C-alpha atoms as a PDB file:
ATOM      1  CA  UNK A   1      46.388 -88.424  18.600  1.00  0.00           C
ATOM      2  CA  UNK A   2      42.932 -88.937  19.066  1.00  0.00           C
ATOM      3  CA  UNK A   3      43.088 -92.722  20.254  1.00  0.00           C
ATOM      4  CA  UNK A   4      45.183 -93.471  23.131  1.00  0.00           C
ATOM      5  CA  UNK A   5      47.534 -95.868  24.378  1.00  0.00           C
ATOM      6  CA  UNK A   6      46.010 -97.201  27.360  1.00  0.00           C
ATOM      7  CA  UNK A   7      47.561 -96.407  30.852  1.00  0.00           C
ATOM      8  CA  UNK A   8      47.347 -99.642  32.450  1.00  0.00           C
ATOM      9  CA  UNK A   9      47.981-103.144  31.404  1.00  0.00           C
ATOM     10  CA  UNK A  10      44.384-104.979  30.234  1.00  0.00           C
ATOM     11  CA  UNK A  11      43.500-107.338  32.629  1.00  0.00           C
ATOM     12  CA  UNK A  12      44.160-111.299  31.820  1.00  0.00           C
ATOM     13  CA  UNK A  13      41.742-113.398  33.750  1.00  0.00           C
ATOM     14  CA  UNK A  14      42.477-117.011  34.602  1.00  0.00           C
ATOM     15  CA  UNK A  15      39.815-119.567  33.675  1.00  0.00           C
ATOM     16  CA  UNK A  16      39.430-122.924  35.471  1.00  0.00           C
ATOM     17  CA  UNK A  17      38.958-125.558  32.974  1.00  0.00           C
ATOM     18  CA  UNK A  18      39.553-129.631  33.464  1.00  0.00           C
ATOM     19  CA  UNK A  19      42.469-130.989  32.029  1.00  0.00           C
ATOM     20  CA  UNK A  20      46.137-130.606  32.088  1.00  0.00           C
ATOM     21  CA  UNK A  21      46.244-127.311  30.810  1.00  0.00           C
ATOM     22  CA  UNK A  22      45.691-123.633  31.807  1.00  0.00           C
ATOM     23  CA  UNK A  23      43.203-121.390  29.991  1.00  0.00           C
ATOM     24  CA  UNK A  24      43.157-117.436  30.344  1.00  0.00           C
ATOM     25  CA  UNK A  25      41.422-114.617  28.620  1.00  0.00           C
ATOM     26  CA  UNK A  26      42.477-110.775  27.977  1.00  0.00           C
ATOM     27  CA  UNK A  27      39.989-108.737  28.671  1.00  0.00           C
ATOM     28  CA  UNK A  28      40.397-106.525  25.336  1.00  0.00           C
ATOM     29  CA  UNK A  29      36.768-105.728  25.665  1.00  0.00           C
ATOM     30  CA  UNK A  30      37.529-103.347  28.668  1.00  0.00           C
ATOM     31  CA  UNK A  31      39.458-101.019  26.849  1.00  0.00           C
ATOM     32  CA  UNK A  32      37.120 -98.446  25.791  1.00  0.00           C
ATOM     33  CA  UNK A  33      32.798 -98.323  26.640  1.00  0.00           C
ATOM     34  CA  UNK A  34      32.224 -97.928  22.844  1.00  0.00           C
ATOM     35  CA  UNK A  35      34.901 -98.718  20.830  1.00  0.00           C
ATOM     36  CA  UNK A  36      35.743-102.125  22.211  1.00  0.00           C
ATOM     37  CA  UNK A  37      38.275-104.973  21.742  1.00  0.00           C
ATOM     38  CA  UNK A  38      40.154-105.411  18.423  1.00  0.00           C
ATOM     39  CA  UNK A  39      37.971-102.685  17.185  1.00  0.00           C
ATOM     40  CA  UNK A  40      40.079-100.270  18.860  1.00  0.00           C
ATOM     41  CA  UNK A  41      43.283-101.422  17.877  1.00  0.00           C
ATOM     42  CA  UNK A  42      42.485-101.698  14.251  1.00  0.00           C
ATOM     43  CA  UNK A  43      41.473 -98.313  14.109  1.00  0.00           C
ATOM     44  CA  UNK A  44      44.044 -97.225  16.074  1.00  0.00           C
ATOM     45  CA  UNK A  45      47.061 -96.265  13.565  1.00  0.00           C
ATOM     46  CA  UNK A  46      43.976 -95.815  10.694  1.00  0.00           C
ATOM     47  CA  UNK A  47      42.239 -93.061  12.705  1.00  0.00           C
ATOM     48  CA  UNK A  48      45.529 -91.482  14.029  1.00  0.00           C
ATOM     49  CA  UNK A  49      47.353 -91.621  10.718  1.00  0.00           C
ATOM     50  CA  UNK A  50      44.834 -90.065   8.878  1.00  0.00           C
ATOM     51  CA  UNK A  51      44.295 -87.326  11.239  1.00  0.00           C
ATOM     52  CA  UNK A  52      47.961 -86.310  11.238  1.00  0.00           C
ATOM     53  CA  UNK A  53      47.665 -85.889   7.212  1.00  0.00           C
ATOM     54  CA  UNK A  54      43.915 -84.440   7.244  1.00  0.00           C
ATOM     55  CA  UNK A  55      43.180 -82.545  10.545  1.00  0.00           C
ATOM     56  CA  UNK A  56      41.219 -79.768   8.402  1.00  0.00           C
ATOM     57  CA  UNK A  57      37.883 -81.515   7.180  1.00  0.00           C
ATOM     58  CA  UNK A  58      38.274 -84.860   8.118  1.00  0.00           C
ATOM     59  CA  UNK A  59      35.493 -87.720   6.865  1.00  0.00           C
ATOM     60  CA  UNK A  60      35.442 -91.327   7.671  1.00  0.00           C
ATOM     61  CA  UNK A  61      33.731 -93.729   5.210  1.00  0.00           C
ATOM     62  CA  UNK A  62      33.170 -97.578   5.962  1.00  0.00           C
ATOM     63  CA  UNK A  63      31.442-100.704   5.422  1.00  0.00           C
ATOM     64  CA  UNK A  64      29.352-102.987   7.551  1.00  0.00           C
ATOM     65  CA  UNK A  65      26.250-105.118   8.072  1.00  0.00           C
ATOM     66  CA  UNK A  66      23.312-104.659  10.380  1.00  0.00           C
ATOM     67  CA  UNK A  67      24.789-105.694  13.562  1.00  0.00           C
ATOM     68  CA  UNK A  68      28.462-104.567  12.877  1.00  0.00           C
ATOM     69  CA  UNK A  69      30.763-104.198  15.480  1.00  0.00           C
ATOM     70  CA  UNK A  70      33.148-102.044  13.413  1.00  0.00           C
ATOM     71  CA  UNK A  71      30.137 -99.697  12.052  1.00  0.00           C
ATOM     72  CA  UNK A  72      28.876 -99.122  15.801  1.00  0.00           C
ATOM     73  CA  UNK A  73      33.104 -98.391  16.546  1.00  0.00           C
ATOM     74  CA  UNK A  74      33.531 -96.177  13.788  1.00  0.00           C
ATOM     75  CA  UNK A  75      30.457 -94.146  14.538  1.00  0.00           C
ATOM     76  CA  UNK A  76      31.658 -93.794  18.174  1.00  0.00           C
ATOM     77  CA  UNK A  77      34.692 -92.405  17.034  1.00  0.00           C
ATOM     78  CA  UNK A  78      33.355 -89.956  14.631  1.00  0.00           C
ATOM     79  CA  UNK A  79      31.015 -88.977  17.508  1.00  0.00           C
ATOM     80  CA  UNK A  80      33.914 -88.813  20.101  1.00  0.00           C
ATOM     81  CA  UNK A  81      36.093 -86.291  17.494  1.00  0.00           C
ATOM     82  CA  UNK A  82      33.501 -84.769  15.957  1.00  0.00           C
ATOM     83  CA  UNK A  83      34.475 -86.038  12.708  1.00  0.00           C
ATOM     84  CA  UNK A  84      31.617 -86.840  10.110  1.00  0.00           C
ATOM     85  CA  UNK A  85      31.167 -90.130   9.157  1.00  0.00           C
ATOM     86  CA  UNK A  86      29.221 -92.502   6.509  1.00  0.00           C
ATOM     87  CA  UNK A  87      28.407 -96.185   6.928  1.00  0.00           C
ATOM     88  CA  UNK A  88      27.644 -98.011   3.813  1.00  0.00           C
ATOM     89  CA  UNK A  89      25.347-100.751   4.968  1.00  0.00           C
ATOM     90  CA  UNK A  90      24.729-104.422   3.549  1.00  0.00           C
ATOM     91  CA  UNK A  91      20.997-104.740   2.804  1.00  0.00           C
ATOM     92  CA  UNK A  92      18.929-101.899   1.304  1.00  0.00           C
ATOM     93  CA  UNK A  93      15.792-103.460   3.309  1.00  0.00           C
ATOM     94  CA  UNK A  94      17.171-101.894   6.405  1.00  0.00           C
ATOM     95  CA  UNK A  95      16.857 -98.663   4.738  1.00  0.00           C
ATOM     96  CA  UNK A  96      13.326 -98.353   6.583  1.00  0.00           C
ATOM     97  CA  UNK A  97      14.050-100.216   9.334  1.00  0.00           C
ATOM     98  CA  UNK A  98      17.200 -99.121  10.754  1.00  0.00           C
ATOM     99  CA  UNK A  99      15.046 -97.652  13.942  1.00  0.00           C
ATOM    100  CA  UNK A 100      14.492-101.033  14.905  1.00  0.00           C
ATOM    101  CA  UNK A 101      18.088-102.321  14.789  1.00  0.00           C
ATOM    102  CA  UNK A 102      20.460-101.263  18.028  1.00  0.00           C
ATOM    103  CA  UNK A 103      23.356-100.925  16.093  1.00  0.00           C
ATOM    104  CA  UNK A 104      22.336 -98.920  13.491  1.00  0.00           C
ATOM    105  CA  UNK A 105      20.192 -96.605  15.700  1.00  0.00           C
ATOM    106  CA  UNK A 106      23.480 -96.338  17.951  1.00  0.00           C
ATOM    107  CA  UNK A 107      25.441 -95.094  14.802  1.00  0.00           C
ATOM    108  CA  UNK A 108      22.751 -92.878  13.979  1.00  0.00           C
ATOM    109  CA  UNK A 109      22.899 -91.603  17.312  1.00  0.00           C
ATOM    110  CA  UNK A 110      26.496 -90.995  16.784  1.00  0.00           C
ATOM    111  CA  UNK A 111      25.807 -88.733  13.925  1.00  0.00           C
ATOM    112  CA  UNK A 112      26.969 -91.553  11.490  1.00  0.00           C
ATOM    113  CA  UNK A 113      24.999 -91.192   7.832  1.00  0.00           C
ATOM    114  CA  UNK A 114      24.117 -94.564   6.522  1.00  0.00           C
ATOM    115  CA  UNK A 115      23.770 -95.470   2.616  1.00  0.00           C
ATOM    116  CA  UNK A 116      22.074 -99.094   2.146  1.00  0.00           C
ATOM    117  CA  UNK A 117      23.229-101.001  -0.572  1.00  0.00           C
ATOM    118  CA  UNK A 118      21.824-104.295  -2.328  1.00  0.00           C
ATOM    119  CA  UNK A 119      23.620-107.424  -1.298  1.00  0.00           C
ATOM    120  CA  UNK A 120      24.819-107.530  -4.872  1.00  0.00           C
ATOM    121  CA  UNK A 121      26.105-104.227  -4.690  1.00  0.00           C
ATOM    122  CA  UNK A 122      28.024-104.957  -1.311  1.00  0.00           C
ATOM    123  CA  UNK A 123      29.682-108.244  -2.804  1.00  0.00           C
ATOM    124  CA  UNK A 124      31.758-105.814  -5.116  1.00  0.00           C
ATOM    125  CA  UNK A 125      33.078-103.219  -2.358  1.00  0.00           C
ATOM    126  CA  UNK A 126      36.432-102.597  -4.278  1.00  0.00           C
ATOM    127  CA  UNK A 127      34.123-100.857  -6.983  1.00  0.00           C
ATOM    128  CA  UNK A 128      32.334 -99.149  -4.425  1.00  0.00           C
ATOM    129  CA  UNK A 129      35.521 -98.043  -2.632  1.00  0.00           C
ATOM    130  CA  UNK A 130      36.996 -96.734  -5.658  1.00  0.00           C
ATOM    131  CA  UNK A 131      33.780 -94.708  -6.514  1.00  0.00           C
ATOM    132  CA  UNK A 132      33.749 -93.608  -3.052  1.00  0.00           C
ATOM    133  CA  UNK A 133      37.542 -92.508  -3.522  1.00  0.00           C
ATOM    134  CA  UNK A 134      36.475 -90.559  -6.215  1.00  0.00           C
ATOM    135  CA  UNK A 135      33.401 -88.672  -4.924  1.00  0.00           C
ATOM    136  CA  UNK A 136      35.216 -88.030  -1.631  1.00  0.00           C
ATOM    137  CA  UNK A 137      38.969 -87.611  -2.253  1.00  0.00           C
ATOM    138  CA  UNK A 138      40.156 -86.573   1.317  1.00  0.00           C
ATOM    139  CA  UNK A 139      38.176 -89.236   2.959  1.00  0.00           C
ATOM    140  CA  UNK A 140      39.834 -92.049   4.799  1.00  0.00           C
ATOM    141  CA  UNK A 141      37.839 -95.234   3.652  1.00  0.00           C
ATOM    142  CA  UNK A 142      38.047 -97.871   5.948  1.00  0.00           C
ATOM    143  CA  UNK A 143      37.720-101.222   4.637  1.00  0.00           C
ATOM    144  CA  UNK A 144      34.669-103.785   6.155  1.00  0.00           C
ATOM    145  CA  UNK A 145      36.049-104.947   9.662  1.00  0.00           C
ATOM    146  CA  UNK A 146      38.739-102.451   9.439  1.00  0.00           C
ATOM    147  CA  UNK A 147      41.048-105.375   8.281  1.00  0.00           C
ATOM    148  CA  UNK A 148      44.274-103.688   6.545  1.00  0.00           C
ATOM    149  CA  UNK A 149      47.974-102.964   6.906  1.00  0.00           C
ATOM    150  CA  UNK A 150      47.429-100.244   9.395  1.00  0.00           C
ATOM    151  CA  UNK A 151      45.009-102.576  11.454  1.00  0.00           C
ATOM    152  CA  UNK A 152      47.425-105.149  11.800  1.00  0.00           C
ATOM    153  CA  UNK A 153      50.157-102.858  13.150  1.00  0.00           C
ATOM    154  CA  UNK A 154      47.743-101.756  15.610  1.00  0.00           C
ATOM    155  CA  UNK A 155      46.952-105.105  16.661  1.00  0.00           C
ATOM    156  CA  UNK A 156      50.720-105.501  17.789  1.00  0.00           C
ATOM    157  CA  UNK A 157      49.165-103.387  20.985  1.00  0.00           C
ATOM    158  CA  UNK A 158      47.143-106.497  22.387  1.00  0.00           C
ATOM    159  CA  UNK A 159      50.659-107.960  22.668  1.00  0.00           C
ATOM    160  CA  UNK A 160      52.700-106.781  25.692  1.00  0.00           C
ATOM    161  CA  UNK A 161      55.404-108.502  28.311  1.00  0.00           C
ATOM    162  CA  UNK A 162      52.425-110.178  29.917  1.00  0.00           C
ATOM    163  CA  UNK A 163      51.328-112.417  26.921  1.00  0.00           C
ATOM    164  CA  UNK A 164      54.609-113.692  26.023  1.00  0.00           C
ATOM    165  CA  UNK A 165      54.649-116.305  28.763  1.00  0.00           C
ATOM    166  CA  UNK A 166      51.445-118.315  26.860  1.00  0.00           C
ATOM    167  CA  UNK A 167      52.415-121.349  24.520  1.00  0.00           C
ATOM    168  CA  UNK A 168      49.180-120.146  22.308  1.00  0.00           C
ATOM    169  CA  UNK A 169      47.297-117.420  21.476  1.00  0.00           C
ATOM    170  CA  UNK A 170      43.477-117.661  20.140  1.00  0.00           C
ATOM    171  CA  UNK A 171      41.104-115.343  18.705  1.00  0.00           C
ATOM    172  CA  UNK A 172      38.133-115.409  16.548  1.00  0.00           C
ATOM    173  CA  UNK A 173      38.382-114.825  12.809  1.00  0.00           C
ATOM    174  CA  UNK A 174      36.063-112.782  10.425  1.00  0.00           C
ATOM    175  CA  UNK A 175      38.085-110.673   8.046  1.00  0.00           C
ATOM    176  CA  UNK A 176      41.613-111.632   9.169  1.00  0.00           C
ATOM    177  CA  UNK A 177      43.296-108.634  10.707  1.00  0.00           C
ATOM    178  CA  UNK A 178      43.354-109.350  14.121  1.00  0.00           C
ATOM    179  CA  UNK A 179      44.642-112.876  13.808  1.00  0.00           C
ATOM    180  CA  UNK A 180      47.540-111.304  11.278  1.00  0.00           C
ATOM    181  CA  UNK A 181      48.541-108.685  13.755  1.00  0.00           C
ATOM    182  CA  UNK A 182      48.870-111.516  16.668  1.00  0.00           C
ATOM    183  CA  UNK A 183      50.591-113.978  13.894  1.00  0.00           C
ATOM    184  CA  UNK A 184      53.024-111.199  12.926  1.00  0.00           C
ATOM    185  CA  UNK A 185      54.496-109.778  16.269  1.00  0.00           C
ATOM    186  CA  UNK A 186      53.872-112.731  18.791  1.00  0.00           C
ATOM    187  CA  UNK A 187      56.979-114.619  19.942  1.00  0.00           C
ATOM    188  CA  UNK A 188      58.674-117.098  17.668  1.00  0.00           C
ATOM    189  CA  UNK A 189      57.786-119.989  20.023  1.00  0.00           C
ATOM    190  CA  UNK A 190      54.039-119.214  20.155  1.00  0.00           C
ATOM    191  CA  UNK A 191      51.364-120.908  18.072  1.00  0.00           C
ATOM    192  CA  UNK A 192      48.516-118.875  16.682  1.00  0.00           C
ATOM    193  CA  UNK A 193      44.900-120.757  16.830  1.00  0.00           C
ATOM    194  CA  UNK A 194      42.147-118.827  14.780  1.00  0.00           C
ATOM    195  CA  UNK A 195      38.750-120.022  15.609  1.00  0.00           C
ATOM    196  CA  UNK A 196      36.923-118.945  12.150  1.00  0.00           C
ATOM    197  CA  UNK A 197      33.684-118.070  12.266  1.00  0.00           C
ATOM    198  CA  UNK A 198      33.041-117.333   8.609  1.00  0.00           C
ATOM    199  CA  UNK A 199      33.086-119.598   5.522  1.00  0.00           C
ATOM    200  CA  UNK A 200      35.380-117.888   3.465  1.00  0.00           C
ATOM    201  CA  UNK A 201      37.907-119.896   1.741  1.00  0.00           C
ATOM    202  CA  UNK A 202      40.178-117.508   1.165  1.00  0.00           C
ATOM    203  CA  UNK A 203      40.971-116.288   4.372  1.00  0.00           C
ATOM    204  CA  UNK A 204      44.559-118.329   5.019  1.00  0.00           C
ATOM    205  CA  UNK A 205      45.822-116.880   1.962  1.00  0.00           C
ATOM    206  CA  UNK A 206      44.695-113.244   2.990  1.00  0.00           C
ATOM    207  CA  UNK A 207      46.180-113.487   6.281  1.00  0.00           C
ATOM    208  CA  UNK A 208      49.120-115.080   4.939  1.00  0.00           C
ATOM    209  CA  UNK A 209      49.741-111.600   2.948  1.00  0.00           C
ATOM    210  CA  UNK A 210      49.234-109.766   5.936  1.00  0.00           C
ATOM    211  CA  UNK A 211      51.418-111.342   8.485  1.00  0.00           C
ATOM    212  CA  UNK A 212      54.152-113.190   5.963  1.00  0.00           C
ATOM    213  CA  UNK A 213      54.185-116.009   8.683  1.00  0.00           C
ATOM    214  CA  UNK A 214      53.122-119.347   8.709  1.00  0.00           C
ATOM    215  CA  UNK A 215      52.802-120.015  12.745  1.00  0.00           C
ATOM    216  CA  UNK A 216      48.684-119.867  12.524  1.00  0.00           C
ATOM    217  CA  UNK A 217      46.175-122.213  12.452  1.00  0.00           C
ATOM    218  CA  UNK A 218      42.512-121.666  11.176  1.00  0.00           C
ATOM    219  CA  UNK A 219      39.862-123.845  12.949  1.00  0.00           C
ATOM    220  CA  UNK A 220      36.239-123.743  11.842  1.00  0.00           C
ATOM    221  CA  UNK A 221      34.380-122.366  14.769  1.00  0.00           C
ATOM    222  CA  UNK A 222      30.958-121.113  12.701  1.00  0.00           C
ATOM    223  CA  UNK A 223      28.712-123.402  14.589  1.00  0.00           C
ATOM    224  CA  UNK A 224      26.012-123.232  11.582  1.00  0.00           C
ATOM    225  CA  UNK A 225      27.192-120.497   9.928  1.00  0.00           C
ATOM    226  CA  UNK A 226      28.185-116.796  10.366  1.00  0.00           C
ATOM    227  CA  UNK A 227      25.419-114.719  12.334  1.00  0.00           C
ATOM    228  CA  UNK A 228      23.795-118.198  13.296  1.00  0.00           C
ATOM    229  CA  UNK A 229      23.314-118.840  16.897  1.00  0.00           C
ATOM    230  CA  UNK A 230      22.397-122.121  18.461  1.00  0.00           C
ATOM    231  CA  UNK A 231      20.820-123.047  21.486  1.00  0.00           C
ATOM    232  CA  UNK A 232      24.074-124.767  22.536  1.00  0.00           C
ATOM    233  CA  UNK A 233      25.745-121.369  21.798  1.00  0.00           C
ATOM    234  CA  UNK A 234      23.335-119.665  24.142  1.00  0.00           C
ATOM    235  CA  UNK A 235      23.854-122.363  26.951  1.00  0.00           C
ATOM    236  CA  UNK A 236      27.542-122.076  26.634  1.00  0.00           C
ATOM    237  CA  UNK A 237      27.665-118.119  26.951  1.00  0.00           C
ATOM    238  CA  UNK A 238      25.087-117.784  29.729  1.00  0.00           C
ATOM    239  CA  UNK A 239      26.807-120.611  31.784  1.00  0.00           C
ATOM    240  CA  UNK A 240      30.350-119.072  30.816  1.00  0.00           C
ATOM    241  CA  UNK A 241      28.640-115.623  32.585  1.00  0.00           C
ATOM    242  CA  UNK A 242      27.599-117.332  35.570  1.00  0.00           C
ATOM    243  CA  UNK A 243      30.832-119.223  36.125  1.00  0.00           C
ATOM    244  CA  UNK A 244      33.472-116.413  35.524  1.00  0.00           C
ATOM    245  CA  UNK A 245      31.219-113.153  35.273  1.00  0.00           C
ATOM    246  CA  UNK A 246      32.573-112.357  32.098  1.00  0.00           C
ATOM    247  CA  UNK A 247      30.248-111.688  28.900  1.00  0.00           C
ATOM    248  CA  UNK A 248      30.545-113.305  25.751  1.00  0.00           C
ATOM    249  CA  UNK A 249      28.712-112.324  22.566  1.00  0.00           C
ATOM    250  CA  UNK A 250      27.176-115.015  20.175  1.00  0.00           C
ATOM    251  CA  UNK A 251      28.918-114.078  16.941  1.00  0.00           C
ATOM    252  CA  UNK A 252      32.664-113.971  17.395  1.00  0.00           C
ATOM    253  CA  UNK A 253      34.138-114.332  21.135  1.00  0.00           C
ATOM    254  CA  UNK A 254      31.337-116.618  22.553  1.00  0.00           C
ATOM    255  CA  UNK A 255      31.989-118.942  19.528  1.00  0.00           C
ATOM    256  CA  UNK A 256      35.792-118.750  19.890  1.00  0.00           C
ATOM    257  CA  UNK A 257      35.529-119.735  23.502  1.00  0.00           C
ATOM    258  CA  UNK A 258      33.301-122.461  22.864  1.00  0.00           C
ATOM    259  CA  UNK A 259      35.525-124.007  20.369  1.00  0.00           C
ATOM    260  CA  UNK A 260      39.109-123.635  22.513  1.00  0.00           C
ATOM    261  CA  UNK A 261      36.998-125.361  25.381  1.00  0.00           C
ATOM    262  CA  UNK A 262      36.041-128.027  23.003  1.00  0.00           C
ATOM    263  CA  UNK A 263      39.706-128.632  21.662  1.00  0.00           C
ATOM    264  CA  UNK A 264      40.955-128.637  25.410  1.00  0.00           C
ATOM    265  CA  UNK A 265      38.290-131.764  26.215  1.00  0.00           C
ATOM    266  CA  UNK A 266      39.257-133.171  22.893  1.00  0.00           C
ATOM    267  CA  UNK A 267      43.179-133.176  24.271  1.00  0.00           C
ATOM    268  CA  UNK A 268      44.076-130.982  21.402  1.00  0.00           C
ATOM    269  CA  UNK A 269      46.484-128.774  23.660  1.00  0.00           C
ATOM    270  CA  UNK A 270      49.658-130.590  24.743  1.00  0.00           C
ATOM    271  CA  UNK A 271      49.493-131.107  28.670  1.00  0.00           C
ATOM    272  CA  UNK A 272      50.796-128.158  30.865  1.00  0.00           C
ATOM    273  CA  UNK A 273      50.172-125.790  27.895  1.00  0.00           C
ATOM    274  CA  UNK A 274      49.297-122.226  28.774  1.00  0.00           C
ATOM    275  CA  UNK A 275      46.510-120.680  26.290  1.00  0.00           C
ATOM    276  CA  UNK A 276      45.126-117.215  26.095  1.00  0.00           C
ATOM    277  CA  UNK A 277      42.148-116.153  24.335  1.00  0.00           C
ATOM    278  CA  UNK A 278      41.365-112.710  23.712  1.00  0.00           C
ATOM    279  CA  UNK A 279      38.188-111.162  24.245  1.00  0.00           C
ATOM    280  CA  UNK A 280      37.576-108.603  20.885  1.00  0.00           C
ATOM    281  CA  UNK A 281      34.756-106.871  22.251  1.00  0.00           C
ATOM    282  CA  UNK A 282      31.535-106.807  20.288  1.00  0.00           C
ATOM    283  CA  UNK A 283      29.247-107.138  23.224  1.00  0.00           C
ATOM    284  CA  UNK A 284      26.833-104.199  21.690  1.00  0.00           C
ATOM    285  CA  UNK A 285      25.727-107.364  19.456  1.00  0.00           C
ATOM    286  CA  UNK A 286      24.279-108.987  22.303  1.00  0.00           C
ATOM    287  CA  UNK A 287      20.904-106.315  22.482  1.00  0.00           C
ATOM    288  CA  UNK A 288      20.443-107.035  18.511  1.00  0.00           C
ATOM    289  CA  UNK A 289      21.296-111.069  19.111  1.00  0.00           C
ATOM    290  CA  UNK A 290      18.209-111.037  22.045  1.00  0.00           C
ATOM    291  CA  UNK A 291      15.904-108.961  19.789  1.00  0.00           C
ATOM    292  CA  UNK A 292      16.336-111.759  16.806  1.00  0.00           C
ATOM    293  CA  UNK A 293      15.974-114.809  19.521  1.00  0.00           C
ATOM    294  CA  UNK A 294      12.932-113.005  21.087  1.00  0.00           C
ATOM    295  CA  UNK A 295      11.173-113.154  18.185  1.00  0.00           C
ATOM    296  CA  UNK A 296      11.909-116.738  17.555  1.00  0.00           C
ATOM    297  CA  UNK A 297      10.461-117.549  21.270  1.00  0.00           C
ATOM    298  CA  UNK A 298      14.157-118.638  22.603  1.00  0.00           C
ATOM    299  CA  UNK A 299      16.052-118.214  25.475  1.00  0.00           C
ATOM    300  CA  UNK A 300      17.995-114.920  25.578  1.00  0.00           C
ATOM    301  CA  UNK A 301      21.772-114.194  26.319  1.00  0.00           C
ATOM    302  CA  UNK A 302      22.232-112.683  29.711  1.00  0.00           C
END
């Protein structure tokens, strides 16, 4: 088994917030220095099951954008295990710029080969996947964001005896695998809140197919669009770090925490609710975000 179960519980920290509710955050970002947060668990069974069947000449292929946490995590797995990896990257214009991109540079240093495709080609990932499976029949092709049935099973590990005492479980939603796993394996009395950071009308159906439950609610948390970082986002993330000494990245967990705090202030949660948010990692993305913000002469994320 390449990816291991942790020997100690992931810490849960209480966040002091006004109103008559209690807010906590589970620090999944601390599980591994390079394969952090939900990416660790989404890859857990994908990688381990694959290596059980293909121990001799493993090869891992996956998809992602310029600052993809998933690309970074898969490259780290490959480096850790000595497994060749290939990343299919959205945006052919990045082919000659990857050295200026912290995420892609990290992936290359981990030994990942990068293949850059047009955005049009990337939109048809199903065809790309079929082609890659034909060209590399023994390879593991992991979908964008790592979301599939093995990923959902892995997310089960984010839930334990400690998480049973909460009324609400909150997570950021990108491709839907993490919320599907939380929804599928949480307690019957728990409600799941998905802070959707992408504008994807098909997400609810995708999640329902993976979880087979209807105990979740998706709430728009795009704050201007996927990957968009407002001055308000930056202020919230920096204030949060100063108050609680917890770093947040601006694409997923930062927006999720900002939306949950807004919901608390609006009275969304009943009095005396116990709310648990999952920190899904991705802190490697802060460096790339700050490069973009610096070019725009804006405040940086601390």
